[in-house]
N, C-alpha and C. Protein backbone atom coordinates (compact mmCIF):
# COMPACT_ATOMS: atom_id res chain seq x y z
N UNK A 1 0.85 -1.18 0.00
CA UNK A 1 0.00 0.00 0.00
C UNK A 1 0.90 1.24 0.00
N UNK A 2 0.61 2.16 -0.90
CA UNK A 2 1.41 3.38 -0.98
C UNK A 2 1.06 4.31 0.17
N UNK A 3 1.98 5.22 0.44
CA UNK A 3 1.74 6.20 1.50
C UNK A 3 0.51 7.05 1.18
N UNK A 4 0.35 7.40 -0.09
CA UNK A 4 -0.80 8.19 -0.52
C UNK A 4 -2.10 7.43 -0.26
N UNK A 5 -2.09 6.15 -0.57
CA UNK A 5 -3.27 5.30 -0.36
C UNK A 5 -3.58 5.19 1.14
N UNK A 6 -2.56 5.00 1.94
CA UNK A 6 -2.74 4.90 3.39
C UNK A 6 -3.29 6.18 3.98
N UNK A 7 -2.78 7.31 3.52
CA UNK A 7 -3.28 8.60 4.00
C UNK A 7 -4.73 8.81 3.58
N UNK A 8 -5.06 8.39 2.37
CA UNK A 8 -6.44 8.53 1.89
C UNK A 8 -7.38 7.68 2.73
N UNK A 9 -6.97 6.45 3.04
CA UNK A 9 -7.79 5.58 3.88
C UNK A 9 -7.97 6.17 5.27
N UNK A 10 -6.92 6.73 5.82
CA UNK A 10 -7.00 7.36 7.13
C UNK A 10 -7.99 8.51 7.12
N UNK A 11 -7.90 9.35 6.10
CA UNK A 11 -8.82 10.50 6.01
C UNK A 11 -10.25 10.02 5.78
N UNK A 12 -10.44 8.99 4.96
CA UNK A 12 -11.78 8.44 4.76
C UNK A 12 -12.36 7.95 6.09
N UNK A 13 -11.54 7.30 6.90
CA UNK A 13 -11.99 6.86 8.21
C UNK A 13 -12.43 8.02 9.08
N UNK A 14 -11.69 9.11 9.02
CA UNK A 14 -12.06 10.32 9.79
C UNK A 14 -13.39 10.88 9.29
N UNK A 15 -13.57 10.90 7.99
CA UNK A 15 -14.82 11.41 7.43
C UNK A 15 -16.01 10.52 7.81
N UNK A 16 -15.78 9.21 7.83
CA UNK A 16 -16.84 8.29 8.26
C UNK A 16 -17.20 8.57 9.71
N UNK A 17 -16.20 8.78 10.56
CA UNK A 17 -16.48 9.13 11.96
C UNK A 17 -17.28 10.42 12.05
N UNK A 18 -16.91 11.39 11.21
CA UNK A 18 -17.63 12.67 11.20
C UNK A 18 -19.08 12.46 10.80
N UNK A 19 -19.33 11.64 9.79
CA UNK A 19 -20.70 11.34 9.37
C UNK A 19 -21.47 10.61 10.47
N UNK A 20 -20.79 9.68 11.15
CA UNK A 20 -21.43 9.00 12.28
C UNK A 20 -21.84 9.99 13.36
N UNK A 21 -20.97 10.94 13.65
CA UNK A 21 -21.27 11.95 14.66
C UNK A 21 -22.46 12.81 14.23
N UNK A 22 -22.50 13.15 12.97
CA UNK A 22 -23.63 13.93 12.46
C UNK A 22 -24.92 13.13 12.62
N UNK A 23 -24.88 11.86 12.27
CA UNK A 23 -26.05 11.00 12.42
C UNK A 23 -26.53 10.93 13.86
N UNK A 24 -25.59 10.79 14.79
CA UNK A 24 -25.96 10.73 16.21
C UNK A 24 -26.53 12.07 16.68
N UNK A 25 -25.96 13.16 16.18
CA UNK A 25 -26.44 14.48 16.62
C UNK A 25 -27.87 14.75 16.13
N UNK A 26 -28.27 14.08 15.06
CA UNK A 26 -29.63 14.26 14.56
C UNK A 26 -30.68 13.71 15.53
N UNK A 27 -30.23 12.90 16.49
CA UNK A 27 -31.13 12.34 17.50
C UNK A 27 -31.35 13.30 18.67
N UNK A 28 -30.57 14.37 18.71
CA UNK A 28 -30.70 15.33 19.82
C UNK A 28 -32.00 16.12 19.68
N UNK A 29 -32.66 16.37 20.81
CA UNK A 29 -33.94 17.10 20.76
C UNK A 29 -33.73 18.61 20.65
N UNK A 30 -33.41 19.04 19.44
CA UNK A 30 -33.27 20.48 19.17
C UNK A 30 -34.15 20.82 17.97
N UNK A 31 -34.43 22.09 17.78
CA UNK A 31 -35.27 22.48 16.63
C UNK A 31 -34.69 22.01 15.30
N UNK A 32 -35.58 21.67 14.38
CA UNK A 32 -35.18 21.17 13.07
C UNK A 32 -34.26 22.15 12.35
N UNK A 33 -34.47 23.45 12.55
CA UNK A 33 -33.64 24.45 11.87
C UNK A 33 -32.16 24.29 12.24
N UNK A 34 -31.90 23.92 13.49
CA UNK A 34 -30.52 23.73 13.93
C UNK A 34 -29.92 22.51 13.23
N UNK A 35 -30.69 21.43 13.12
CA UNK A 35 -30.21 20.25 12.40
C UNK A 35 -29.94 20.58 10.94
N UNK A 36 -30.85 21.29 10.31
CA UNK A 36 -30.66 21.65 8.90
C UNK A 36 -29.45 22.53 8.68
N UNK A 37 -29.25 23.48 9.56
CA UNK A 37 -28.08 24.36 9.45
C UNK A 37 -26.79 23.54 9.53
N UNK A 38 -26.74 22.62 10.48
CA UNK A 38 -25.55 21.78 10.63
C UNK A 38 -25.33 20.92 9.39
N UNK A 39 -26.40 20.35 8.86
CA UNK A 39 -26.28 19.52 7.66
C UNK A 39 -25.83 20.34 6.45
N UNK A 40 -26.41 21.52 6.31
CA UNK A 40 -26.05 22.37 5.16
C UNK A 40 -24.59 22.79 5.21
N UNK A 41 -24.04 22.91 6.40
CA UNK A 41 -22.63 23.29 6.52
C UNK A 41 -21.70 22.10 6.36
N UNK A 42 -22.06 20.98 6.96
CA UNK A 42 -21.12 19.87 7.02
C UNK A 42 -21.16 18.95 5.81
N UNK A 43 -22.32 18.66 5.27
CA UNK A 43 -22.40 17.69 4.18
C UNK A 43 -21.63 18.15 2.93
N UNK A 44 -21.76 19.39 2.49
CA UNK A 44 -20.97 19.79 1.31
C UNK A 44 -19.46 19.71 1.56
N UNK A 45 -19.02 20.04 2.77
CA UNK A 45 -17.59 19.96 3.08
C UNK A 45 -17.10 18.52 3.01
N UNK A 46 -17.89 17.61 3.59
CA UNK A 46 -17.50 16.20 3.57
C UNK A 46 -17.52 15.67 2.15
N UNK A 47 -18.54 16.02 1.39
CA UNK A 47 -18.63 15.59 -0.02
C UNK A 47 -17.41 16.06 -0.80
N UNK A 48 -17.00 17.31 -0.60
CA UNK A 48 -15.85 17.84 -1.32
C UNK A 48 -14.57 17.10 -0.95
N UNK A 49 -14.43 16.75 0.33
CA UNK A 49 -13.24 16.01 0.75
C UNK A 49 -13.23 14.60 0.16
N UNK A 50 -14.39 13.94 0.17
CA UNK A 50 -14.47 12.59 -0.42
C UNK A 50 -14.14 12.66 -1.90
N UNK A 51 -14.67 13.65 -2.58
CA UNK A 51 -14.40 13.83 -4.01
C UNK A 51 -12.91 14.07 -4.25
N UNK A 52 -12.28 14.88 -3.41
CA UNK A 52 -10.85 15.15 -3.56
C UNK A 52 -10.03 13.88 -3.36
N UNK A 53 -10.41 13.05 -2.40
CA UNK A 53 -9.71 11.79 -2.17
C UNK A 53 -9.90 10.88 -3.38
N UNK A 54 -11.11 10.81 -3.88
CA UNK A 54 -11.42 9.99 -5.07
C UNK A 54 -10.54 10.44 -6.25
N UNK A 55 -10.48 11.75 -6.47
CA UNK A 55 -9.66 12.29 -7.56
C UNK A 55 -8.18 11.98 -7.33
N UNK A 56 -7.73 12.16 -6.10
CA UNK A 56 -6.33 11.93 -5.75
C UNK A 56 -5.91 10.49 -6.03
N UNK A 57 -6.83 9.57 -5.81
CA UNK A 57 -6.52 8.16 -6.02
C UNK A 57 -6.71 7.72 -7.47
N UNK A 58 -7.04 8.67 -8.34
CA UNK A 58 -7.12 8.38 -9.76
C UNK A 58 -8.48 7.97 -10.25
N UNK A 59 -9.50 8.30 -9.50
CA UNK A 59 -10.86 7.97 -9.94
C UNK A 59 -11.24 8.76 -11.17
N UNK A 60 -12.08 8.16 -11.99
CA UNK A 60 -12.55 8.82 -13.22
C UNK A 60 -13.56 9.89 -12.85
N UNK A 61 -13.47 11.04 -13.49
CA UNK A 61 -14.38 12.16 -13.22
C UNK A 61 -15.70 11.94 -13.96
N UNK A 62 -16.55 11.11 -13.38
CA UNK A 62 -17.83 10.81 -14.02
C UNK A 62 -18.85 11.93 -13.86
N UNK A 63 -18.57 12.87 -12.99
CA UNK A 63 -19.51 13.97 -12.75
C UNK A 63 -19.41 15.04 -13.83
N UNK A 64 -18.31 15.08 -14.54
CA UNK A 64 -18.13 16.10 -15.58
C UNK A 64 -18.28 15.53 -16.98
N UNK A 65 -18.55 14.23 -17.09
CA UNK A 65 -18.69 13.63 -18.41
C UNK A 65 -20.01 14.09 -19.05
N UNK A 66 -20.02 14.28 -20.38
CA UNK A 66 -21.27 14.65 -21.03
C UNK A 66 -22.28 13.52 -20.92
N UNK A 67 -23.54 13.86 -20.83
CA UNK A 67 -24.57 12.82 -20.68
C UNK A 67 -25.07 12.31 -22.02
């Protein structure tokens, strides 16, 4: 396993933990607006990091391909 691959796996594990924490926080009894605000802030950031890892590991850019 290359160092780049190992680092990517480590970061993916951190992102999974972050998603788990978000899921658990959704169980807290707070107004829905607070949950939505947290999701709107965190989900795009996590998505961008996952996409960057995918690109870094040589994944094909299927999101920019013509349909």
